[in-house]
């Protein structure tokens, strides 16, 4: 009877070890896939951030203006911006309200 319990114990330990090993292998595979996805996304983020920082700097914008638009762009006072509403036959011109103004 004791031999039976010893064999049963050994078989149950082998089965539980196999189950645990398989589940940890699946978890390791999932972790590897997630790390690869994160690495790819980080690379894309770094490229996009570099492009955004490079293209949106003031000096670059002025350089692009001179390069591509020559004299097409003119400075306008921000208070001169108006909003035009067209209702049926009537046209209304109102002062433009900016987001941070009340």
PDB file of N, CA and C in Angstrom:
ATOM      1  N   UNK A   1       0.820  -1.195   0.000  1.00  0.00           N
ATOM      2  CA  UNK A   1       0.000   0.000   0.000  1.00  0.00           C
ATOM      3  C   UNK A   1       0.866   1.262   0.000  1.00  0.00           C
ATOM      4  N   UNK A   2       1.940   1.271   0.767  1.00  0.00           N
ATOM      5  CA  UNK A   2       2.800   2.447   0.823  1.00  0.00           C
ATOM      6  C   UNK A   2       3.524   2.655  -0.508  1.00  0.00           C
ATOM      7  N   UNK A   3       3.851   1.549  -1.222  1.00  0.00           N
ATOM      8  CA  UNK A   3       4.492   1.685  -2.536  1.00  0.00           C
ATOM      9  C   UNK A   3       3.543   2.381  -3.511  1.00  0.00           C
ATOM     10  N   UNK A   4       2.264   2.062  -3.401  1.00  0.00           N
ATOM     11  CA  UNK A   4       1.256   2.667  -4.265  1.00  0.00           C
ATOM     12  C   UNK A   4       1.202   4.180  -4.050  1.00  0.00           C
ATOM     13  N   UNK A   5       1.228   4.605  -2.797  1.00  0.00           N
ATOM     14  CA  UNK A   5       1.196   6.036  -2.486  1.00  0.00           C
ATOM     15  C   UNK A   5       2.476   6.736  -2.949  1.00  0.00           C
ATOM     16  N   UNK A   6       3.595   6.079  -2.846  1.00  0.00           N
ATOM     17  CA  UNK A   6       4.857   6.658  -3.287  1.00  0.00           C
ATOM     18  C   UNK A   6       4.838   6.838  -4.811  1.00  0.00           C
ATOM     19  N   UNK A   7       4.370   5.809  -5.526  1.00  0.00           N
ATOM     20  CA  UNK A   7       4.283   5.895  -6.983  1.00  0.00           C
ATOM     21  C   UNK A   7       3.280   6.976  -7.375  1.00  0.00           C
ATOM     22  N   UNK A   8       2.148   7.018  -6.708  1.00  0.00           N
ATOM     23  CA  UNK A   8       1.131   8.039  -6.976  1.00  0.00           C
ATOM     24  C   UNK A   8       1.687   9.443  -6.723  1.00  0.00           C
ATOM     25  N   UNK A   9       2.447   9.594  -5.657  1.00  0.00           N
ATOM     26  CA  UNK A   9       3.068  10.876  -5.333  1.00  0.00           C
ATOM     27  C   UNK A   9       4.067  11.285  -6.427  1.00  0.00           C
ATOM     28  N   UNK A  10       4.883  10.335  -6.865  1.00  0.00           N
ATOM     29  CA  UNK A  10       5.882  10.630  -7.897  1.00  0.00           C
ATOM     30  C   UNK A  10       5.201  11.007  -9.207  1.00  0.00           C
ATOM     31  N   UNK A  11       4.169  10.280  -9.613  1.00  0.00           N
ATOM     32  CA  UNK A  11       3.442  10.572 -10.849  1.00  0.00           C
ATOM     33  C   UNK A  11       2.767  11.944 -10.766  1.00  0.00           C
ATOM     34  N   UNK A  12       2.156  12.232  -9.611  1.00  0.00           N
ATOM     35  CA  UNK A  12       1.500  13.534  -9.457  1.00  0.00           C
ATOM     36  C   UNK A  12       2.520  14.674  -9.481  1.00  0.00           C
ATOM     37  N   UNK A  13       3.696  14.476  -8.916  1.00  0.00           N
ATOM     38  CA  UNK A  13       4.746  15.493  -8.964  1.00  0.00           C
ATOM     39  C   UNK A  13       5.242  15.699 -10.398  1.00  0.00           C
ATOM     40  N   UNK A  14       5.391  14.631 -11.149  1.00  0.00           N
ATOM     41  CA  UNK A  14       5.825  14.741 -12.539  1.00  0.00           C
ATOM     42  C   UNK A  14       4.787  15.489 -13.365  1.00  0.00           C
ATOM     43  N   UNK A  15       3.492  15.153 -13.195  1.00  0.00           N
ATOM     44  CA  UNK A  15       2.421  15.832 -13.930  1.00  0.00           C
ATOM     45  C   UNK A  15       2.327  17.307 -13.563  1.00  0.00           C
ATOM     46  N   UNK A  16       2.409  17.601 -12.254  1.00  0.00           N
ATOM     47  CA  UNK A  16       2.317  19.010 -11.844  1.00  0.00           C
ATOM     48  C   UNK A  16       3.518  19.802 -12.352  1.00  0.00           C
ATOM     49  N   UNK A  17       4.705  19.187 -12.384  1.00  0.00           N
ATOM     50  CA  UNK A  17       5.889  19.852 -12.920  1.00  0.00           C
ATOM     51  C   UNK A  17       5.721  20.144 -14.413  1.00  0.00           C
ATOM     52  N   UNK A  18       5.181  19.190 -15.149  1.00  0.00           N
ATOM     53  CA  UNK A  18       4.960  19.381 -16.583  1.00  0.00           C
ATOM     54  C   UNK A  18       3.949  20.499 -16.832  1.00  0.00           C
ATOM     55  N   UNK A  19       2.864  20.530 -16.059  1.00  0.00           N
ATOM     56  CA  UNK A  19       1.857  21.580 -16.218  1.00  0.00           C
ATOM     57  C   UNK A  19       2.434  22.959 -15.908  1.00  0.00           C
ATOM     58  N   UNK A  20       3.192  23.042 -14.826  1.00  0.00           N
ATOM     59  CA  UNK A  20       3.794  24.322 -14.438  1.00  0.00           C
ATOM     60  C   UNK A  20       4.795  24.778 -15.484  1.00  0.00           C
ATOM     61  N   UNK A  21       5.590  23.832 -16.000  1.00  0.00           N
ATOM     62  CA  UNK A  21       6.587  24.166 -17.010  1.00  0.00           C
ATOM     63  C   UNK A  21       5.911  24.679 -18.280  1.00  0.00           C
ATOM     64  N   UNK A  22       4.837  24.044 -18.713  1.00  0.00           N
ATOM     65  CA  UNK A  22       4.120  24.483 -19.906  1.00  0.00           C
ATOM     66  C   UNK A  22       3.493  25.856 -19.707  1.00  0.00           C
ATOM     67  N   UNK A  23       2.913  26.087 -18.554  1.00  0.00           N
ATOM     68  CA  UNK A  23       2.281  27.396 -18.319  1.00  0.00           C
ATOM     69  C   UNK A  23       3.326  28.501 -18.235  1.00  0.00           C
ATOM     70  N   UNK A  24       4.467  28.239 -17.620  1.00  0.00           N
ATOM     71  CA  UNK A  24       5.505  29.272 -17.567  1.00  0.00           C
ATOM     72  C   UNK A  24       6.096  29.515 -18.951  1.00  0.00           C
ATOM     73  N   UNK A  25       6.181  28.474 -19.776  1.00  0.00           N
ATOM     74  CA  UNK A  25       6.660  28.660 -21.152  1.00  0.00           C
ATOM     75  C   UNK A  25       5.712  29.563 -21.922  1.00  0.00           C
ATOM     76  N   UNK A  26       4.413  29.376 -21.766  1.00  0.00           N
ATOM     77  CA  UNK A  26       3.432  30.229 -22.430  1.00  0.00           C
ATOM     78  C   UNK A  26       3.552  31.674 -21.949  1.00  0.00           C
ATOM     79  N   UNK A  27       3.727  31.846 -20.646  1.00  0.00           N
ATOM     80  CA  UNK A  27       3.875  33.197 -20.094  1.00  0.00           C
ATOM     81  C   UNK A  27       5.156  33.845 -20.622  1.00  0.00           C
ATOM     82  N   UNK A  28       6.243  33.094 -20.683  1.00  0.00           N
ATOM     83  CA  UNK A  28       7.500  33.623 -21.232  1.00  0.00           C
ATOM     84  C   UNK A  28       7.344  34.024 -22.694  1.00  0.00           C
ATOM     85  N   UNK A  29       6.631  33.218 -23.469  1.00  0.00           N
ATOM     86  CA  UNK A  29       6.385  33.568 -24.878  1.00  0.00           C
ATOM     87  C   UNK A  29       5.563  34.850 -24.987  1.00  0.00           C
ATOM     88  N   UNK A  30       4.546  34.985 -24.152  1.00  0.00           N
ATOM     89  CA  UNK A  30       3.730  36.208 -24.161  1.00  0.00           C
ATOM     90  C   UNK A  30       4.561  37.428 -23.786  1.00  0.00           C
ATOM     91  N   UNK A  31       5.414  37.280 -22.787  1.00  0.00           N
ATOM     92  CA  UNK A  31       6.280  38.382 -22.364  1.00  0.00           C
ATOM     93  C   UNK A  31       7.232  38.772 -23.490  1.00  0.00           C
ATOM     94  N   UNK A  32       7.789  37.778 -24.176  1.00  0.00           N
ATOM     95  CA  UNK A  32       8.704  38.060 -25.289  1.00  0.00           C
ATOM     96  C   UNK A  32       7.991  38.823 -26.398  1.00  0.00           C
ATOM     97  N   UNK A  33       6.784  38.394 -26.745  1.00  0.00           N
ATOM     98  CA  UNK A  33       6.020  39.068 -27.794  1.00  0.00           C
ATOM     99  C   UNK A  33       5.713  40.507 -27.393  1.00  0.00           C
ATOM    100  N   UNK A  34       5.307  40.714 -26.139  1.00  0.00           N
ATOM    101  CA  UNK A  34       5.010  42.068 -25.668  1.00  0.00           C
ATOM    102  C   UNK A  34       6.258  42.955 -25.683  1.00  0.00           C
ATOM    103  N   UNK A  35       7.390  42.406 -25.280  1.00  0.00           N
ATOM    104  CA  UNK A  35       8.633  43.184 -25.302  1.00  0.00           C
ATOM    105  C   UNK A  35       9.017  43.571 -26.718  1.00  0.00           C
ATOM    106  N   UNK A  36       8.829  42.660 -27.668  1.00  0.00           N
ATOM    107  CA  UNK A  36       9.124  42.978 -29.064  1.00  0.00           C
ATOM    108  C   UNK A  36       8.192  44.072 -29.580  1.00  0.00           C
ATOM    109  N   UNK A  37       6.917  43.995 -29.218  1.00  0.00           N
ATOM    110  CA  UNK A  37       5.966  45.036 -29.627  1.00  0.00           C
ATOM    111  C   UNK A  37       6.343  46.380 -29.020  1.00  0.00           C
ATOM    112  N   UNK A  38       6.723  46.371 -27.751  1.00  0.00           N
ATOM    113  CA  UNK A  38       7.120  47.612 -27.073  1.00  0.00           C
ATOM    114  C   UNK A  38       8.369  48.192 -27.723  1.00  0.00           C
ATOM    115  N   UNK A  39       9.327  47.338 -28.071  1.00  0.00           N
ATOM    116  CA  UNK A  39      10.551  47.817 -28.706  1.00  0.00           C
ATOM    117  C   UNK A  39      10.238  48.486 -30.047  1.00  0.00           C
ATOM    118  N   UNK A  40       9.354  47.876 -30.809  1.00  0.00           N
ATOM    119  CA  UNK A  40       8.962  48.457 -32.092  1.00  0.00           C
ATOM    120  C   UNK A  40       8.245  49.791 -31.893  1.00  0.00           C
ATOM    121  N   UNK A  41       7.338  49.849 -30.920  1.00  0.00           N
ATOM    122  CA  UNK A  41       6.604  51.085 -30.654  1.00  0.00           C
ATOM    123  C   UNK A  41       7.519  52.182 -30.129  1.00  0.00           C
ATOM    124  N   UNK A  42       8.502  51.821 -29.304  1.00  0.00           N
ATOM    125  CA  UNK A  42       9.461  52.814 -28.806  1.00  0.00           C
ATOM    126  C   UNK A  42      10.263  53.407 -29.953  1.00  0.00           C
ATOM    127  N   UNK A  43      10.665  52.562 -30.880  1.00  0.00           N
ATOM    128  CA  UNK A  43      11.436  53.043 -32.028  1.00  0.00           C
ATOM    129  C   UNK A  43      10.590  54.002 -32.858  1.00  0.00           C
ATOM    130  N   UNK A  44       9.335  53.643 -33.101  1.00  0.00           N
ATOM    131  CA  UNK A  44       8.437  54.531 -33.849  1.00  0.00           C
ATOM    132  C   UNK A  44       8.227  55.844 -33.097  1.00  0.00           C
ATOM    133  N   UNK A  45       8.031  55.761 -31.775  1.00  0.00           N
ATOM    134  CA  UNK A  45       7.820  56.961 -30.971  1.00  0.00           C
ATOM    135  C   UNK A  45       9.031  57.883 -31.031  1.00  0.00           C
ATOM    136  N   UNK A  46      10.233  57.308 -30.915  1.00  0.00           N
ATOM    137  CA  UNK A  46      11.441  58.129 -30.961  1.00  0.00           C
ATOM    138  C   UNK A  46      11.570  58.832 -32.307  1.00  0.00           C
ATOM    139  N   UNK A  47      11.268  58.117 -33.392  1.00  0.00           N
ATOM    140  CA  UNK A  47      11.345  58.731 -34.719  1.00  0.00           C
ATOM    141  C   UNK A  47      10.324  59.851 -34.879  1.00  0.00           C
ATOM    142  N   UNK A  48       9.113  59.620 -34.405  1.00  0.00           N
ATOM    143  CA  UNK A  48       8.062  60.631 -34.524  1.00  0.00           C
ATOM    144  C   UNK A  48       8.377  61.834 -33.635  1.00  0.00           C
ATOM    145  N   UNK A  49       8.872  61.582 -32.420  1.00  0.00           N
ATOM    146  CA  UNK A  49       9.227  62.685 -31.523  1.00  0.00           C
ATOM    147  C   UNK A  49      10.364  63.522 -32.109  1.00  0.00           C
ATOM    148  N   UNK A  50      11.351  62.859 -32.687  1.00  0.00           N
ATOM    149  CA  UNK A  50      12.457  63.583 -33.316  1.00  0.00           C
ATOM    150  C   UNK A  50      11.946  64.422 -34.483  1.00  0.00           C
ATOM    151  N   UNK A  51      11.089  63.836 -35.299  1.00  0.00           N
ATOM    152  CA  UNK A  51      10.537  64.561 -36.436  1.00  0.00           C
ATOM    153  C   UNK A  51       9.717  65.760 -35.967  1.00  0.00           C
ATOM    154  N   UNK A  52       8.909  65.567 -34.933  1.00  0.00           N
ATOM    155  CA  UNK A  52       8.085  66.656 -34.404  1.00  0.00           C
ATOM    156  C   UNK A  52       8.953  67.773 -33.836  1.00  0.00           C
ATOM    157  N   UNK A  53       9.948  67.417 -33.046  1.00  0.00           N
ATOM    158  CA  UNK A  53      10.832  68.421 -32.454  1.00  0.00           C
ATOM    159  C   UNK A  53      11.630  69.153 -33.526  1.00  0.00           C
ATOM    160  N   UNK A  54      12.063  68.429 -34.514  1.00  0.00           N
ATOM    161  CA  UNK A  54      12.870  69.032 -35.579  1.00  0.00           C
ATOM    162  C   UNK A  54      12.027  69.957 -36.442  1.00  0.00           C
ATOM    163  N   UNK A  55      10.845  69.503 -36.833  1.00  0.00           N
ATOM    164  CA  UNK A  55      10.030  70.285 -37.755  1.00  0.00           C
ATOM    165  C   UNK A  55       9.301  71.437 -37.084  1.00  0.00           C
ATOM    166  N   UNK A  56       9.010  71.332 -35.782  1.00  0.00           N
ATOM    167  CA  UNK A  56       8.195  72.363 -35.152  1.00  0.00           C
ATOM    168  C   UNK A  56       9.014  73.419 -34.417  1.00  0.00           C
ATOM    169  N   UNK A  57      10.331  73.365 -34.505  1.00  0.00           N
ATOM    170  CA  UNK A  57      11.123  74.419 -33.864  1.00  0.00           C
ATOM    171  C   UNK A  57      10.937  75.719 -34.631  1.00  0.00           C
ATOM    172  N   UNK A  58      11.019  76.815 -33.934  1.00  0.00           N
ATOM    173  CA  UNK A  58      10.808  78.122 -34.544  1.00  0.00           C
ATOM    174  C   UNK A  58      11.766  78.415 -35.683  1.00  0.00           C
ATOM    175  N   UNK A  59      13.030  78.058 -35.479  1.00  0.00           N
ATOM    176  CA  UNK A  59      14.028  78.318 -36.518  1.00  0.00           C
ATOM    177  C   UNK A  59      13.703  77.529 -37.789  1.00  0.00           C
ATOM    178  N   UNK A  60      13.297  76.277 -37.614  1.00  0.00           N
ATOM    179  CA  UNK A  60      12.973  75.449 -38.770  1.00  0.00           C
ATOM    180  C   UNK A  60      11.749  75.983 -39.499  1.00  0.00           C
ATOM    181  N   UNK A  61      10.750  76.434 -38.750  1.00  0.00           N
ATOM    182  CA  UNK A  61       9.550  76.963 -39.392  1.00  0.00           C
ATOM    183  C   UNK A  61       9.887  78.211 -40.210  1.00  0.00           C
ATOM    184  N   UNK A  62      10.738  79.081 -39.663  1.00  0.00           N
ATOM    185  CA  UNK A  62      11.145  80.268 -40.416  1.00  0.00           C
ATOM    186  C   UNK A  62      11.963  79.885 -41.644  1.00  0.00           C
ATOM    187  N   UNK A  63      12.805  78.876 -41.490  1.00  0.00           N
ATOM    188  CA  UNK A  63      13.601  78.414 -42.631  1.00  0.00           C
ATOM    189  C   UNK A  63      12.697  77.850 -43.734  1.00  0.00           C
ATOM    190  N   UNK A  64      11.688  77.049 -43.335  1.00  0.00           N
ATOM    191  CA  UNK A  64      10.756  76.494 -44.318  1.00  0.00           C
ATOM    192  C   UNK A  64       9.926  77.594 -44.969  1.00  0.00           C
ATOM    193  N   UNK A  65       9.558  78.612 -44.191  1.00  0.00           N
ATOM    194  CA  UNK A  65       8.805  79.734 -44.758  1.00  0.00           C
ATOM    195  C   UNK A  65       9.628  80.408 -45.847  1.00  0.00           C
ATOM    196  N   UNK A  66      10.881  80.689 -45.543  1.00  0.00           N
ATOM    197  CA  UNK A  66      11.740  81.348 -46.527  1.00  0.00           C
ATOM    198  C   UNK A  66      12.008  80.445 -47.728  1.00  0.00           C
ATOM    199  N   UNK A  67      12.114  79.144 -47.468  1.00  0.00           N
ATOM    200  CA  UNK A  67      12.444  78.208 -48.534  1.00  0.00           C
ATOM    201  C   UNK A  67      11.277  77.959 -49.486  1.00  0.00           C
ATOM    202  N   UNK A  68      10.078  77.776 -48.931  1.00  0.00           N
ATOM    203  CA  UNK A  68       8.944  77.348 -49.749  1.00  0.00           C
ATOM    204  C   UNK A  68       7.913  78.438 -50.046  1.00  0.00           C
ATOM    205  N   UNK A  69       7.761  79.416 -49.152  1.00  0.00           N
ATOM    206  CA  UNK A  69       6.674  80.373 -49.312  1.00  0.00           C
ATOM    207  C   UNK A  69       7.146  81.777 -49.684  1.00  0.00           C
ATOM    208  N   UNK A  70       8.409  82.020 -49.654  1.00  0.00           N
ATOM    209  CA  UNK A  70       8.983  83.328 -49.962  1.00  0.00           C
ATOM    210  C   UNK A  70       8.169  84.468 -49.350  1.00  0.00           C
ATOM    211  N   UNK A  71       7.344  85.124 -50.154  1.00  0.00           N
ATOM    212  CA  UNK A  71       6.619  86.292 -49.650  1.00  0.00           C
ATOM    213  C   UNK A  71       5.116  86.037 -49.547  1.00  0.00           C
ATOM    214  N   UNK A  72       4.726  84.809 -49.580  1.00  0.00           N
ATOM    215  CA  UNK A  72       3.298  84.492 -49.515  1.00  0.00           C
ATOM    216  C   UNK A  72       2.733  84.629 -48.100  1.00  0.00           C
ATOM    217  N   UNK A  73       3.559  84.456 -47.089  1.00  0.00           N
ATOM    218  CA  UNK A  73       3.088  84.526 -45.708  1.00  0.00           C
ATOM    219  C   UNK A  73       3.385  85.898 -45.119  1.00  0.00           C
ATOM    220  N   UNK A  74       2.399  86.465 -44.439  1.00  0.00           N
ATOM    221  CA  UNK A  74       2.582  87.759 -43.785  1.00  0.00           C
ATOM    222  C   UNK A  74       2.135  87.649 -42.337  1.00  0.00           C
ATOM    223  N   UNK A  75       2.790  88.435 -41.485  1.00  0.00           N
ATOM    224  CA  UNK A  75       2.405  88.443 -40.074  1.00  0.00           C
ATOM    225  C   UNK A  75       1.116  89.220 -39.914  1.00  0.00           C
ATOM    226  N   UNK A  76       0.252  88.706 -39.031  1.00  0.00           N
ATOM    227  CA  UNK A  76      -1.018  89.367 -38.741  1.00  0.00           C
ATOM    228  C   UNK A  76      -1.150  89.472 -37.235  1.00  0.00           C
ATOM    229  N   UNK A  77      -1.640  90.614 -36.783  1.00  0.00           N
ATOM    230  CA  UNK A  77      -1.887  90.786 -35.356  1.00  0.00           C
ATOM    231  C   UNK A  77      -3.011  89.845 -34.941  1.00  0.00           C
ATOM    232  N   UNK A  78      -2.826  89.193 -33.840  1.00  0.00           N
ATOM    233  CA  UNK A  78      -3.790  88.181 -33.402  1.00  0.00           C
ATOM    234  C   UNK A  78      -5.154  88.800 -33.069  1.00  0.00           C
ATOM    235  N   UNK A  79      -5.176  90.066 -32.719  1.00  0.00           N
ATOM    236  CA  UNK A  79      -6.439  90.730 -32.398  1.00  0.00           C
ATOM    237  C   UNK A  79      -7.249  91.050 -33.659  1.00  0.00           C
ATOM    238  N   UNK A  80      -6.624  91.016 -34.812  1.00  0.00           N
ATOM    239  CA  UNK A  80      -7.318  91.308 -36.060  1.00  0.00           C
ATOM    240  C   UNK A  80      -8.072  90.108 -36.629  1.00  0.00           C
ATOM    241  N   UNK A  81      -7.947  88.960 -36.009  1.00  0.00           N
ATOM    242  CA  UNK A  81      -8.635  87.757 -36.510  1.00  0.00           C
ATOM    243  C   UNK A  81     -10.110  87.853 -36.163  1.00  0.00           C
ATOM    244  N   UNK A  82     -10.949  87.681 -37.140  1.00  0.00           N
ATOM    245  CA  UNK A  82     -12.403  87.779 -36.962  1.00  0.00           C
ATOM    246  C   UNK A  82     -13.052  86.455 -37.349  1.00  0.00           C
ATOM    247  N   UNK A  83     -14.272  86.273 -36.893  1.00  0.00           N
ATOM    248  CA  UNK A  83     -15.051  85.087 -37.219  1.00  0.00           C
ATOM    249  C   UNK A  83     -16.250  85.518 -38.062  1.00  0.00           C
ATOM    250  N   UNK A  84     -16.453  84.850 -39.196  1.00  0.00           N
ATOM    251  CA  UNK A  84     -17.552  85.189 -40.093  1.00  0.00           C
ATOM    252  C   UNK A  84     -18.626  84.115 -39.994  1.00  0.00           C
ATOM    253  N   UNK A  85     -19.843  84.545 -39.671  1.00  0.00           N
ATOM    254  CA  UNK A  85     -20.992  83.637 -39.620  1.00  0.00           C
ATOM    255  C   UNK A  85     -21.957  84.014 -40.723  1.00  0.00           C
ATOM    256  N   UNK A  86     -22.434  83.019 -41.425  1.00  0.00           N
ATOM    257  CA  UNK A  86     -23.383  83.273 -42.496  1.00  0.00           C
ATOM    258  C   UNK A  86     -24.698  82.592 -42.145  1.00  0.00           C
ATOM    259  N   UNK A  87     -25.723  83.393 -41.910  1.00  0.00           N
ATOM    260  CA  UNK A  87     -27.053  82.878 -41.602  1.00  0.00           C
ATOM    261  C   UNK A  87     -28.006  83.321 -42.705  1.00  0.00           C
ATOM    262  N   UNK A  88     -28.465  82.375 -43.474  1.00  0.00           N
ATOM    263  CA  UNK A  88     -29.374  82.639 -44.597  1.00  0.00           C
ATOM    264  C   UNK A  88     -28.842  83.780 -45.462  1.00  0.00           C
ATOM    265  N   UNK A  89     -29.479  84.960 -45.406  1.00  0.00           N
ATOM    266  CA  UNK A  89     -29.042  86.082 -46.245  1.00  0.00           C
ATOM    267  C   UNK A  89     -28.183  87.073 -45.479  1.00  0.00           C
ATOM    268  N   UNK A  90     -27.912  86.771 -44.225  1.00  0.00           N
ATOM    269  CA  UNK A  90     -27.228  87.728 -43.359  1.00  0.00           C
ATOM    270  C   UNK A  90     -25.804  87.240 -43.057  1.00  0.00           C
ATOM    271  N   UNK A  91     -24.845  88.143 -43.102  1.00  0.00           N
ATOM    272  CA  UNK A  91     -23.457  87.813 -42.771  1.00  0.00           C
ATOM    273  C   UNK A  91     -23.064  88.617 -41.540  1.00  0.00           C
ATOM    274  N   UNK A  92     -22.561  87.908 -40.522  1.00  0.00           N
ATOM    275  CA  UNK A  92     -22.127  88.561 -39.282  1.00  0.00           C
ATOM    276  C   UNK A  92     -20.620  88.383 -39.139  1.00  0.00           C
ATOM    277  N   UNK A  93     -19.955  89.452 -38.739  1.00  0.00           N
ATOM    278  CA  UNK A  93     -18.519  89.406 -38.467  1.00  0.00           C
ATOM    279  C   UNK A  93     -18.332  89.703 -36.992  1.00  0.00           C
ATOM    280  N   UNK A  94     -17.796  88.720 -36.254  1.00  0.00           N
ATOM    281  CA  UNK A  94     -17.606  88.837 -34.804  1.00  0.00           C
ATOM    282  C   UNK A  94     -16.132  88.681 -34.455  1.00  0.00           C
ATOM    283  N   UNK A  95     -15.785  89.171 -33.281  1.00  0.00           N
ATOM    284  CA  UNK A  95     -14.425  88.985 -32.775  1.00  0.00           C
ATOM    285  C   UNK A  95     -14.224  87.503 -32.462  1.00  0.00           C
ATOM    286  N   UNK A  96     -13.089  86.968 -32.836  1.00  0.00           N
ATOM    287  CA  UNK A  96     -12.782  85.562 -32.586  1.00  0.00           C
ATOM    288  C   UNK A  96     -12.380  85.401 -31.126  1.00  0.00           C
ATOM    289  N   UNK A  97     -12.973  84.430 -30.432  1.00  0.00           N
ATOM    290  CA  UNK A  97     -12.626  84.143 -29.043  1.00  0.00           C
ATOM    291  C   UNK A  97     -11.684  82.938 -29.004  1.00  0.00           C
ATOM    292  N   UNK A  98     -10.557  83.127 -28.375  1.00  0.00           N
ATOM    293  CA  UNK A  98      -9.577  82.050 -28.289  1.00  0.00           C
ATOM    294  C   UNK A  98      -9.960  81.120 -27.162  1.00  0.00           C
ATOM    295  N   UNK A  99      -9.372  79.945 -27.138  1.00  0.00           N
ATOM    296  CA  UNK A  99      -9.739  78.889 -26.191  1.00  0.00           C
ATOM    297  C   UNK A  99      -9.541  79.310 -24.749  1.00  0.00           C
ATOM    298  N   UNK A 100      -8.436  79.960 -24.434  1.00  0.00           N
ATOM    299  CA  UNK A 100      -8.168  80.307 -23.040  1.00  0.00           C
ATOM    300  C   UNK A 100      -8.813  81.627 -22.604  1.00  0.00           C
ATOM    301  N   UNK A 101      -9.531  82.295 -23.497  1.00  0.00           N
ATOM    302  CA  UNK A 101     -10.246  83.513 -23.133  1.00  0.00           C
ATOM    303  C   UNK A 101     -11.658  83.182 -22.724  1.00  0.00           C
ATOM    304  N   UNK A 102     -12.262  84.037 -21.945  1.00  0.00           N
ATOM    305  CA  UNK A 102     -13.637  83.811 -21.482  1.00  0.00           C
ATOM    306  C   UNK A 102     -14.605  84.612 -22.283  1.00  0.00           C
TER     307      UNK A 102
END
